[in-house]
Amino acid sequence: MNVPNRSDIKPGMFAAIVLKEDQRSNKLTEGVIKEILTKSPSHPHGIKVRLETGEIGRVKKLLD
């Protein structure tokens, strides 16, 4: 799976993320991005973000 780069992600976007506890099952959680936590331009497992719900995980795909 090709994960989005940091430059593709903006607060307010709707995204599917994998929470830390769901990494083994790869279960996706959907929500609106509140804050980008990863400082580097890319990460092999996805850019880490905080959703408006307070959940933290890595972006696997951006949704419409």
Foldseek 3Di string as FASTA:
>chain_A
DDEDWPVVDDFQFKFWFAAPVCPVVSDTDIATFHAFDDPDRADPRATWTAGPVRTIGGTRGTDD
